[in-house]
């Protein structure tokens, strides 16, 4: 099975998951499918099904967003806290919550950069 340049699993491409996010069927995906997609894209496959759905959803929504030249999905916890603080987001949130707040902030402000 192939991997694209951003590390996407060919079986579960961002376009396929984007469709699932848009039509709401992402919530019906099995944990195994979500974990395979996350692993294939070098993201943590750990957590509850709800957390996995949120992580996949954020991954899809964050496509094309850069925070100071970096893809927010791949920021380490310390860098997430630093960037969140710069945006006025509480840096003491859990990493997944920080990521969600940071991505939503960037989307609201036109996509970052």
Foldseek 3Di string as FASTA:
>chain_A
DDADPQQFDPVCGLVNVVVCLVVVVLLVDDLVVLLVRQVSNVHDSDDDSVLSSLLSNLVSLQVPADAVNHRLRPDDLVVLLVSCVVVVHHSPDDSSVSSVVNSVSCVVVPRHD
